[in-house]
Amino acid sequence: MQNGYLLRVENLHLQRQEKKILRGVTFEIAPWQVFALLGRNGSGKSSLAYTLMGCAGYTPSEGRILFNGQDITHLSITERARLGITLAWQEPARFEGLKVKDYLALGMKEPSREKMEAALNAVALSPLSYLERTVNDALSGGERKRIELAAVYAMRPRLAILDEPDSGIDVLSLDDIARLIRRLAAEGTAVLLITHRNEMVSVADVAALMCAGEILRIGEPQEMRDYYASRCQPCITVEAVEPPGGEYERL
C-alpha cells in the first residue's frame, strides 16, 4: 500500500462532449476511512464516481488513479471490481424478477443464508420479510436502495463508492444508512460517500467540497459542513458540469 493510502486520485481531468467535467481533482482515501464528497447537484460528483469505477465514456484526459499502489486509470470495470472496488449507483440497480436472496448472492464469494440475513439486518430490513421477496415494482425506491446497500455490505469490498446512498431514503432512516457506513469502515471497507446533504457528512472521517468539477477544500467534516451551509447551498452561480439528473444511464 502506497504511503498508507488505499486510493489516490492525482490531477484528474475529464471532458465529455467538449465540456470540461472534472478539473484537476486530487485526493486520497486511507484504508478503513470514510471520505465524504459534498457538493450541490451538478458539481461533478457522480461523474467522478463513474470515472473511478471505469465506466464507458469516463476515461480521464489527464491524471491517474492509483489503487493500493497500482495504476488503474485504464482498467475496465470488471478489472477494478476484481481488485475490490464497487459502486452503488444513485439510481438503484434493477434486477426485475430476481428474488432478493439471489440478488444479494450475486456479489458474494461464498453465499450463505447467514450472511444474507446479516446484510439485510445491516440496512434495517427484516430477512424474514425480504429474502424471499421478488425485485419488482412492489418494492419502493427506498427499499431498493436499502437492498442495494445490503448487497454492497455482503460483498465486503475494499473500497465502496456510495453515490447518494441517502437518495430516496426518508429523514428518519438516515441514521440506519449512517450506521451501515460506519459498520463498513469498521469491518475493513474504505468508503467514498458522495452526497449533497449536509447532515450525511457527520458520518465521515474526512470531507471534501466539490464545485464545478473541482475540489475546493478538504478538511474536518464539521468545518466542511459549516462552509457548505453558509457558502455553497445559497450559491446561485454554481456551474453545472453534469447533465440534468446526473444519472449515468441518461448520459
C-alpha atoms as a PDB file:
ATOM      1  CA  MET A   1       0.000   0.000   0.000  1.00  0.00           C
ATOM      2  CA  GLN A   2       1.487   3.308  -1.090  1.00  0.00           C
ATOM      3  CA  ASN A   3       2.075   5.892   1.662  1.00  0.00           C
ATOM      4  CA  GLY A   4      -0.739   4.398   3.744  1.00  0.00           C
ATOM      5  CA  TYR A   5      -3.458   5.233   1.211  1.00  0.00           C
ATOM      6  CA  LEU A   6      -5.760   2.755  -0.488  1.00  0.00           C
ATOM      7  CA  LEU A   7      -6.970   5.155  -3.201  1.00  0.00           C
ATOM      8  CA  ARG A   8      -5.072   8.116  -4.589  1.00  0.00           C
ATOM      9  CA  VAL A   9      -6.514  10.366  -7.295  1.00  0.00           C
ATOM     10  CA  GLU A  10      -3.981  12.642  -8.969  1.00  0.00           C
ATOM     11  CA  ASN A  11      -4.855  15.702 -11.076  1.00  0.00           C
ATOM     12  CA  LEU A  12      -7.845  14.014 -12.713  1.00  0.00           C
ATOM     13  CA  HIS A  13      -9.379  15.756 -15.738  1.00  0.00           C
ATOM     14  CA  LEU A  14     -12.428  14.561 -17.669  1.00  0.00           C
ATOM     15  CA  GLN A  15     -14.039  16.017 -20.775  1.00  0.00           C
ATOM     16  CA  ARG A  16     -17.308  14.882 -22.352  1.00  0.00           C
ATOM     17  CA  GLN A  17     -18.889  16.324 -25.483  1.00  0.00           C
ATOM     18  CA  GLU A  18     -16.265  19.084 -25.439  1.00  0.00           C
ATOM     19  CA  LYS A  19     -17.322  20.091 -21.935  1.00  0.00           C
ATOM     20  CA  LYS A  20     -14.882  20.008 -19.028  1.00  0.00           C
ATOM     21  CA  ILE A  21     -16.397  17.833 -16.309  1.00  0.00           C
ATOM     22  CA  LEU A  22     -13.507  17.238 -13.897  1.00  0.00           C
ATOM     23  CA  ARG A  23     -10.759  19.812 -13.449  1.00  0.00           C
ATOM     24  CA  GLY A  24      -7.641  18.617 -11.674  1.00  0.00           C
ATOM     25  CA  VAL A  25      -9.290  16.516  -8.955  1.00  0.00           C
ATOM     26  CA  THR A  26      -6.802  15.274  -6.344  1.00  0.00           C
ATOM     27  CA  PHE A  27      -7.493  13.461  -3.062  1.00  0.00           C
ATOM     28  CA  GLU A  28      -6.600  10.323  -1.093  1.00  0.00           C
ATOM     29  CA  ILE A  29      -8.565   7.762   0.910  1.00  0.00           C
ATOM     30  CA  ALA A  30      -6.926   5.635   3.579  1.00  0.00           C
ATOM     31  CA  PRO A  31      -7.992   2.065   4.442  1.00  0.00           C
ATOM     32  CA  TRP A  32     -10.889   1.865   6.921  1.00  0.00           C
ATOM     33  CA  GLN A  33     -11.683   5.538   6.249  1.00  0.00           C
ATOM     34  CA  VAL A  34     -14.978   7.215   5.355  1.00  0.00           C
ATOM     35  CA  PHE A  35     -14.291  10.078   2.948  1.00  0.00           C
ATOM     36  CA  ALA A  36     -17.304  12.298   2.215  1.00  0.00           C
ATOM     37  CA  LEU A  37     -17.506  14.240  -1.039  1.00  0.00           C
ATOM     38  CA  LEU A  38     -20.039  17.017  -0.568  1.00  0.00           C
ATOM     39  CA  GLY A  39     -21.394  19.229  -3.311  1.00  0.00           C
ATOM     40  CA  ARG A  40     -24.505  20.519  -4.979  1.00  0.00           C
ATOM     41  CA  ASN A  41     -26.212  18.567  -7.743  1.00  0.00           C
ATOM     42  CA  GLY A  42     -24.337  19.134 -10.985  1.00  0.00           C
ATOM     43  CA  SER A  43     -20.956  19.717  -9.384  1.00  0.00           C
ATOM     44  CA  GLY A  44     -19.352  16.633 -10.949  1.00  0.00           C
ATOM     45  CA  LYS A  45     -19.635  14.161  -8.070  1.00  0.00           C
ATOM     46  CA  SER A  46     -21.372  11.351  -9.966  1.00  0.00           C
ATOM     47  CA  SER A  47     -19.077  11.809 -12.971  1.00  0.00           C
ATOM     48  CA  LEU A  48     -16.130  11.346 -10.617  1.00  0.00           C
ATOM     49  CA  ALA A  49     -17.715   8.138  -9.289  1.00  0.00           C
ATOM     50  CA  TYR A  50     -18.155   6.764 -12.824  1.00  0.00           C
ATOM     51  CA  THR A  51     -14.565   7.695 -13.666  1.00  0.00           C
ATOM     52  CA  LEU A  52     -13.221   5.941 -10.580  1.00  0.00           C
ATOM     53  CA  MET A  53     -15.256   2.834 -11.437  1.00  0.00           C
ATOM     54  CA  GLY A  54     -14.088   2.841 -15.071  1.00  0.00           C
ATOM     55  CA  CYS A  55     -17.483   3.281 -16.741  1.00  0.00           C
ATOM     56  CA  ALA A  56     -17.584   3.543 -20.538  1.00  0.00           C
ATOM     57  CA  GLY A  57     -17.125   7.129 -21.719  1.00  0.00           C
ATOM     58  CA  TYR A  58     -15.444   8.215 -18.491  1.00  0.00           C
ATOM     59  CA  THR A  59     -11.755   7.802 -19.346  1.00  0.00           C
ATOM     60  CA  PRO A  60      -9.840  10.786 -17.954  1.00  0.00           C
ATOM     61  CA  SER A  61      -7.972  13.013 -20.389  1.00  0.00           C
ATOM     62  CA  GLU A  62      -5.286  13.711 -17.817  1.00  0.00           C
ATOM     63  CA  GLY A  63      -4.190  12.454 -14.397  1.00  0.00           C
ATOM     64  CA  ARG A  64      -4.239   8.993 -12.886  1.00  0.00           C
ATOM     65  CA  ILE A  65      -5.995   6.772 -10.350  1.00  0.00           C
ATOM     66  CA  LEU A  66      -3.929   4.607  -8.012  1.00  0.00           C
ATOM     67  CA  PHE A  67      -5.446   1.773  -6.001  1.00  0.00           C
ATOM     68  CA  ASN A  68      -3.275   0.001  -3.461  1.00  0.00           C
ATOM     69  CA  GLY A  69      -0.269   1.450  -5.279  1.00  0.00           C
ATOM     70  CA  GLN A  70      -1.376   0.151  -8.698  1.00  0.00           C
ATOM     71  CA  ASP A  71      -2.245   2.471 -11.580  1.00  0.00           C
ATOM     72  CA  ILE A  72      -5.824   1.525 -12.540  1.00  0.00           C
ATOM     73  CA  THR A  73      -6.575   4.562 -14.738  1.00  0.00           C
ATOM     74  CA  HIS A  74      -7.226   2.456 -17.817  1.00  0.00           C
ATOM     75  CA  LEU A  75      -8.537  -0.747 -16.277  1.00  0.00           C
ATOM     76  CA  SER A  76     -12.078  -1.937 -17.072  1.00  0.00           C
ATOM     77  CA  ILE A  77     -14.989  -2.047 -14.626  1.00  0.00           C
ATOM     78  CA  THR A  78     -14.523  -5.809 -14.319  1.00  0.00           C
ATOM     79  CA  GLU A  79     -10.818  -5.490 -13.552  1.00  0.00           C
ATOM     80  CA  ARG A  80     -11.470  -2.848 -10.909  1.00  0.00           C
ATOM     81  CA  ALA A  81     -14.217  -4.969  -9.363  1.00  0.00           C
ATOM     82  CA  ARG A  82     -11.773  -7.863  -9.093  1.00  0.00           C
ATOM     83  CA  LEU A  83      -9.436  -5.593  -7.144  1.00  0.00           C
ATOM     84  CA  GLY A  84     -12.233  -4.947  -4.657  1.00  0.00           C
ATOM     85  CA  ILE A  85     -13.862  -1.716  -5.870  1.00  0.00           C
ATOM     86  CA  THR A  86     -17.637  -1.445  -6.102  1.00  0.00           C
ATOM     87  CA  LEU A  87     -20.088   1.353  -6.888  1.00  0.00           C
ATOM     88  CA  ALA A  88     -23.610   1.712  -5.523  1.00  0.00           C
ATOM     89  CA  TRP A  89     -25.416   3.844  -8.091  1.00  0.00           C
ATOM     90  CA  GLN A  90     -27.541   6.861  -7.217  1.00  0.00           C
ATOM     91  CA  GLU A  91     -30.416   5.131  -9.028  1.00  0.00           C
ATOM     92  CA  PRO A  92     -30.742   1.619  -7.538  1.00  0.00           C
ATOM     93  CA  ALA A  93     -29.899  -1.192  -9.947  1.00  0.00           C
ATOM     94  CA  ARG A  94     -32.844  -3.094 -11.367  1.00  0.00           C
ATOM     95  CA  PHE A  95     -32.840  -6.867 -11.484  1.00  0.00           C
ATOM     96  CA  GLU A  96     -36.517  -7.449 -12.173  1.00  0.00           C
ATOM     97  CA  GLY A  97     -37.775 -10.915 -11.334  1.00  0.00           C
ATOM     98  CA  LEU A  98     -34.839 -11.948  -9.134  1.00  0.00           C
ATOM     99  CA  LYS A  99     -35.512 -12.837  -5.544  1.00  0.00           C
ATOM    100  CA  VAL A 100     -33.760 -10.579  -3.059  1.00  0.00           C
ATOM    101  CA  LYS A 101     -31.701 -13.520  -1.781  1.00  0.00           C
ATOM    102  CA  ASP A 102     -30.435 -14.224  -5.312  1.00  0.00           C
ATOM    103  CA  TYR A 103     -29.553 -10.573  -5.865  1.00  0.00           C
ATOM    104  CA  LEU A 104     -27.564 -10.498  -2.621  1.00  0.00           C
ATOM    105  CA  ALA A 105     -25.745 -13.688  -3.617  1.00  0.00           C
ATOM    106  CA  LEU A 106     -24.537 -12.239  -6.934  1.00  0.00           C
ATOM    107  CA  GLY A 107     -21.569 -10.392  -5.471  1.00  0.00           C
ATOM    108  CA  MET A 108     -20.751 -12.753  -2.606  1.00  0.00           C
ATOM    109  CA  LYS A 109     -17.716 -15.028  -2.805  1.00  0.00           C
ATOM    110  CA  GLU A 110     -19.317 -17.672  -0.609  1.00  0.00           C
ATOM    111  CA  PRO A 111     -23.080 -17.058  -0.411  1.00  0.00           C
ATOM    112  CA  SER A 112     -24.875 -18.262   2.687  1.00  0.00           C
ATOM    113  CA  ARG A 113     -28.235 -17.528   4.245  1.00  0.00           C
ATOM    114  CA  GLU A 114     -26.499 -16.370   7.414  1.00  0.00           C
ATOM    115  CA  LYS A 115     -24.501 -13.730   5.505  1.00  0.00           C
ATOM    116  CA  MET A 116     -27.589 -12.617   3.571  1.00  0.00           C
ATOM    117  CA  GLU A 117     -29.546 -12.196   6.783  1.00  0.00           C
ATOM    118  CA  ALA A 118     -26.678 -10.186   8.293  1.00  0.00           C
ATOM    119  CA  ALA A 119     -26.623  -7.923   5.216  1.00  0.00           C
ATOM    120  CA  LEU A 120     -30.352  -7.189   5.423  1.00  0.00           C
ATOM    121  CA  ASN A 121     -30.151  -6.622   9.155  1.00  0.00           C
ATOM    122  CA  ALA A 122     -27.343  -4.120   8.487  1.00  0.00           C
ATOM    123  CA  VAL A 123     -29.780  -1.955   6.496  1.00  0.00           C
ATOM    124  CA  ALA A 124     -32.669  -2.457   8.936  1.00  0.00           C
ATOM    125  CA  LEU A 125     -34.694  -4.799   6.710  1.00  0.00           C
ATOM    126  CA  SER A 126     -36.202  -7.969   8.152  1.00  0.00           C
ATOM    127  CA  PRO A 127     -34.659 -11.064   6.496  1.00  0.00           C
ATOM    128  CA  LEU A 128     -37.872 -12.961   7.189  1.00  0.00           C
ATOM    129  CA  SER A 129     -39.851 -10.363   5.241  1.00  0.00           C
ATOM    130  CA  TYR A 130     -37.425  -9.652   2.398  1.00  0.00           C
ATOM    131  CA  LEU A 131     -35.198 -12.616   1.483  1.00  0.00           C
ATOM    132  CA  GLU A 132     -37.935 -14.355  -0.483  1.00  0.00           C
ATOM    133  CA  ARG A 133     -39.415 -11.200  -1.988  1.00  0.00           C
ATOM    134  CA  THR A 134     -39.025 -10.517  -5.696  1.00  0.00           C
ATOM    135  CA  VAL A 135     -37.273  -7.433  -7.010  1.00  0.00           C
ATOM    136  CA  ASN A 136     -40.125  -5.721  -8.837  1.00  0.00           C
ATOM    137  CA  ASP A 137     -42.354  -2.656  -8.707  1.00  0.00           C
ATOM    138  CA  ALA A 138     -43.827  -3.818  -5.410  1.00  0.00           C
ATOM    139  CA  LEU A 139     -40.624  -2.571  -3.765  1.00  0.00           C
ATOM    140  CA  SER A 140     -40.401   1.144  -3.078  1.00  0.00           C
ATOM    141  CA  GLY A 141     -37.416   3.219  -4.159  1.00  0.00           C
ATOM    142  CA  GLY A 142     -36.238   3.339  -0.570  1.00  0.00           C
ATOM    143  CA  GLU A 143     -36.459  -0.451  -0.247  1.00  0.00           C
ATOM    144  CA  ARG A 144     -34.481  -0.910  -3.463  1.00  0.00           C
ATOM    145  CA  LYS A 145     -31.829   1.469  -2.185  1.00  0.00           C
ATOM    146  CA  ARG A 146     -31.522  -0.424   1.093  1.00  0.00           C
ATOM    147  CA  ILE A 147     -31.304  -3.766  -0.715  1.00  0.00           C
ATOM    148  CA  GLU A 148     -28.539  -2.454  -2.970  1.00  0.00           C
ATOM    149  CA  LEU A 149     -26.633  -1.195   0.070  1.00  0.00           C
ATOM    150  CA  ALA A 150     -27.130  -4.602   1.671  1.00  0.00           C
ATOM    151  CA  ALA A 151     -25.593  -6.156  -1.456  1.00  0.00           C
ATOM    152  CA  VAL A 152     -22.572  -3.857  -1.110  1.00  0.00           C
ATOM    153  CA  TYR A 153     -22.190  -4.879   2.531  1.00  0.00           C
ATOM    154  CA  ALA A 154     -22.441  -8.554   1.586  1.00  0.00           C
ATOM    155  CA  MET A 155     -19.640  -8.166  -0.992  1.00  0.00           C
ATOM    156  CA  ARG A 156     -17.131  -6.946   1.613  1.00  0.00           C
ATOM    157  CA  PRO A 157     -15.312  -4.762  -0.961  1.00  0.00           C
ATOM    158  CA  ARG A 158     -12.029  -2.999  -0.227  1.00  0.00           C
ATOM    159  CA  LEU A 159     -13.498   0.290  -1.487  1.00  0.00           C
ATOM    160  CA  ALA A 160     -17.209   1.130  -1.669  1.00  0.00           C
ATOM    161  CA  ILE A 161     -18.213   4.174  -3.707  1.00  0.00           C
ATOM    162  CA  LEU A 162     -21.659   5.178  -2.473  1.00  0.00           C
ATOM    163  CA  ASP A 163     -23.294   7.669  -4.833  1.00  0.00           C
ATOM    164  CA  GLU A 164     -26.040   9.484  -2.895  1.00  0.00           C
ATOM    165  CA  PRO A 165     -26.887   6.487  -0.653  1.00  0.00           C
ATOM    166  CA  ASP A 166     -29.475   8.670   1.096  1.00  0.00           C
ATOM    167  CA  SER A 167     -31.395   9.261  -2.157  1.00  0.00           C
ATOM    168  CA  GLY A 168     -34.962   8.030  -1.784  1.00  0.00           C
ATOM    169  CA  ILE A 169     -34.450   7.483   1.944  1.00  0.00           C
ATOM    170  CA  ASP A 170     -36.712   9.287   4.392  1.00  0.00           C
ATOM    171  CA  VAL A 171     -35.119  11.502   7.025  1.00  0.00           C
ATOM    172  CA  LEU A 172     -35.952   9.089   9.840  1.00  0.00           C
ATOM    173  CA  SER A 173     -33.944   6.366   8.088  1.00  0.00           C
ATOM    174  CA  LEU A 174     -30.744   8.379   7.619  1.00  0.00           C
ATOM    175  CA  ASP A 175     -29.390   7.021  10.902  1.00  0.00           C
ATOM    176  CA  ASP A 176     -29.691   3.477   9.509  1.00  0.00           C
ATOM    177  CA  ILE A 177     -27.599   4.449   6.477  1.00  0.00           C
ATOM    178  CA  ALA A 178     -25.049   6.227   8.673  1.00  0.00           C
ATOM    179  CA  ARG A 179     -24.707   3.142  10.876  1.00  0.00           C
ATOM    180  CA  LEU A 180     -24.174   0.944   7.818  1.00  0.00           C
ATOM    181  CA  ILE A 181     -21.429   3.246   6.514  1.00  0.00           C
ATOM    182  CA  ARG A 182     -19.613   3.200   9.849  1.00  0.00           C
ATOM    183  CA  ARG A 183     -20.034  -0.571  10.031  1.00  0.00           C
ATOM    184  CA  LEU A 184     -18.488  -0.981   6.572  1.00  0.00           C
ATOM    185  CA  ALA A 185     -15.471   1.052   7.658  1.00  0.00           C
ATOM    186  CA  ALA A 186     -15.147  -0.779  10.979  1.00  0.00           C
ATOM    187  CA  GLU A 187     -15.102  -4.102   9.136  1.00  0.00           C
ATOM    188  CA  GLY A 188     -12.358  -3.068   6.699  1.00  0.00           C
ATOM    189  CA  THR A 189     -14.080  -1.324   3.773  1.00  0.00           C
ATOM    190  CA  ALA A 190     -12.942   2.183   2.849  1.00  0.00           C
ATOM    191  CA  VAL A 191     -15.927   4.324   1.800  1.00  0.00           C
ATOM    192  CA  LEU A 192     -16.211   7.216  -0.637  1.00  0.00           C
ATOM    193  CA  LEU A 193     -19.517   8.796   0.356  1.00  0.00           C
ATOM    194  CA  ILE A 194     -20.947  11.099  -2.306  1.00  0.00           C
ATOM    195  CA  THR A 195     -23.760  13.357  -1.138  1.00  0.00           C
ATOM    196  CA  HIS A 196     -25.389  16.776  -1.429  1.00  0.00           C
ATOM    197  CA  ARG A 197     -26.980  16.511   2.027  1.00  0.00           C
ATOM    198  CA  ASN A 198     -25.075  18.347   4.719  1.00  0.00           C
ATOM    199  CA  GLU A 199     -26.282  16.086   7.525  1.00  0.00           C
ATOM    200  CA  MET A 200     -24.728  12.968   5.946  1.00  0.00           C
ATOM    201  CA  VAL A 201     -21.202  14.365   6.304  1.00  0.00           C
ATOM    202  CA  SER A 202     -21.182  13.769  10.065  1.00  0.00           C
ATOM    203  CA  VAL A 203     -20.532  10.066   9.460  1.00  0.00           C
ATOM    204  CA  ALA A 204     -17.208  10.785   7.715  1.00  0.00           C
ATOM    205  CA  ASP A 205     -13.640  10.900   8.989  1.00  0.00           C
ATOM    206  CA  VAL A 206     -12.619  13.411   6.305  1.00  0.00           C
ATOM    207  CA  ALA A 207     -14.734  15.561   3.989  1.00  0.00           C
ATOM    208  CA  ALA A 208     -14.170  17.481   0.767  1.00  0.00           C
ATOM    209  CA  LEU A 209     -16.206  20.127  -1.022  1.00  0.00           C
ATOM    210  CA  MET A 210     -16.700  19.881  -4.775  1.00  0.00           C
ATOM    211  CA  CYS A 211     -17.885  22.602  -7.140  1.00  0.00           C
ATOM    212  CA  ALA A 212     -17.801  22.858 -10.935  1.00  0.00           C
ATOM    213  CA  GLY A 213     -15.624  19.768 -11.258  1.00  0.00           C
ATOM    214  CA  GLU A 214     -13.002  20.870  -8.722  1.00  0.00           C
ATOM    215  CA  ILE A 215     -12.200  20.012  -5.116  1.00  0.00           C
ATOM    216  CA  LEU A 216     -12.484  23.341  -3.280  1.00  0.00           C
ATOM    217  CA  ARG A 217     -11.114  22.177   0.051  1.00  0.00           C
ATOM    218  CA  ILE A 218     -10.559  19.102   2.217  1.00  0.00           C
ATOM    219  CA  GLY A 219     -10.784  19.037   5.992  1.00  0.00           C
ATOM    220  CA  GLU A 220     -12.711  18.105   9.102  1.00  0.00           C
ATOM    221  CA  PRO A 221     -16.344  17.124   8.420  1.00  0.00           C
ATOM    222  CA  GLN A 222     -17.816  19.835  10.659  1.00  0.00           C
ATOM    223  CA  GLU A 223     -15.703  22.516   9.001  1.00  0.00           C
ATOM    224  CA  MET A 224     -16.864  21.366   5.558  1.00  0.00           C
ATOM    225  CA  ARG A 225     -20.496  21.247   6.741  1.00  0.00           C
ATOM    226  CA  ASP A 226     -20.320  24.814   8.020  1.00  0.00           C
ATOM    227  CA  TYR A 227     -18.709  26.084   4.829  1.00  0.00           C
ATOM    228  CA  TYR A 228     -21.223  24.246   2.644  1.00  0.00           C
ATOM    229  CA  ALA A 229     -24.198  25.564   4.612  1.00  0.00           C
ATOM    230  CA  SER A 230     -23.002  29.161   4.550  1.00  0.00           C
ATOM    231  CA  ARG A 231     -21.330  29.415   1.148  1.00  0.00           C
ATOM    232  CA  CYS A 232     -22.405  26.578  -1.160  1.00  0.00           C
ATOM    233  CA  GLN A 233     -26.098  25.925  -0.505  1.00  0.00           C
ATOM    234  CA  PRO A 234     -27.084  29.590  -1.010  1.00  0.00           C
ATOM    235  CA  CYS A 235     -24.880  29.882  -4.139  1.00  0.00           C
ATOM    236  CA  ILE A 236     -26.774  30.696  -7.334  1.00  0.00           C
ATOM    237  CA  THR A 237     -23.757  30.915  -9.629  1.00  0.00           C
ATOM    238  CA  VAL A 238     -22.629  27.281  -9.487  1.00  0.00           C
ATOM    239  CA  GLU A 239     -21.633  25.968 -12.898  1.00  0.00           C
ATOM    240  CA  ALA A 240     -23.401  22.710 -13.637  1.00  0.00           C
ATOM    241  CA  VAL A 241     -20.959  20.210 -15.128  1.00  0.00           C
ATOM    242  CA  GLU A 242     -23.329  17.251 -15.313  1.00  0.00           C
ATOM    243  CA  PRO A 243     -26.492  16.816 -17.367  1.00  0.00           C
ATOM    244  CA  PRO A 244     -29.810  17.199 -15.512  1.00  0.00           C
ATOM    245  CA  GLY A 245     -30.299  14.322 -13.102  1.00  0.00           C
ATOM    246  CA  GLY A 246     -26.664  13.280 -13.286  1.00  0.00           C
ATOM    247  CA  GLU A 247     -27.511   9.610 -13.779  1.00  0.00           C
ATOM    248  CA  TYR A 248     -25.086   7.565 -15.852  1.00  0.00           C
ATOM    249  CA  GLU A 249     -27.919   5.845 -17.667  1.00  0.00           C
ATOM    250  CA  ARG A 250     -29.177   9.144 -19.083  1.00  0.00           C
ATOM    251  CA  LEU A 251     -25.840  10.402 -20.394  1.00  0.00           C
END
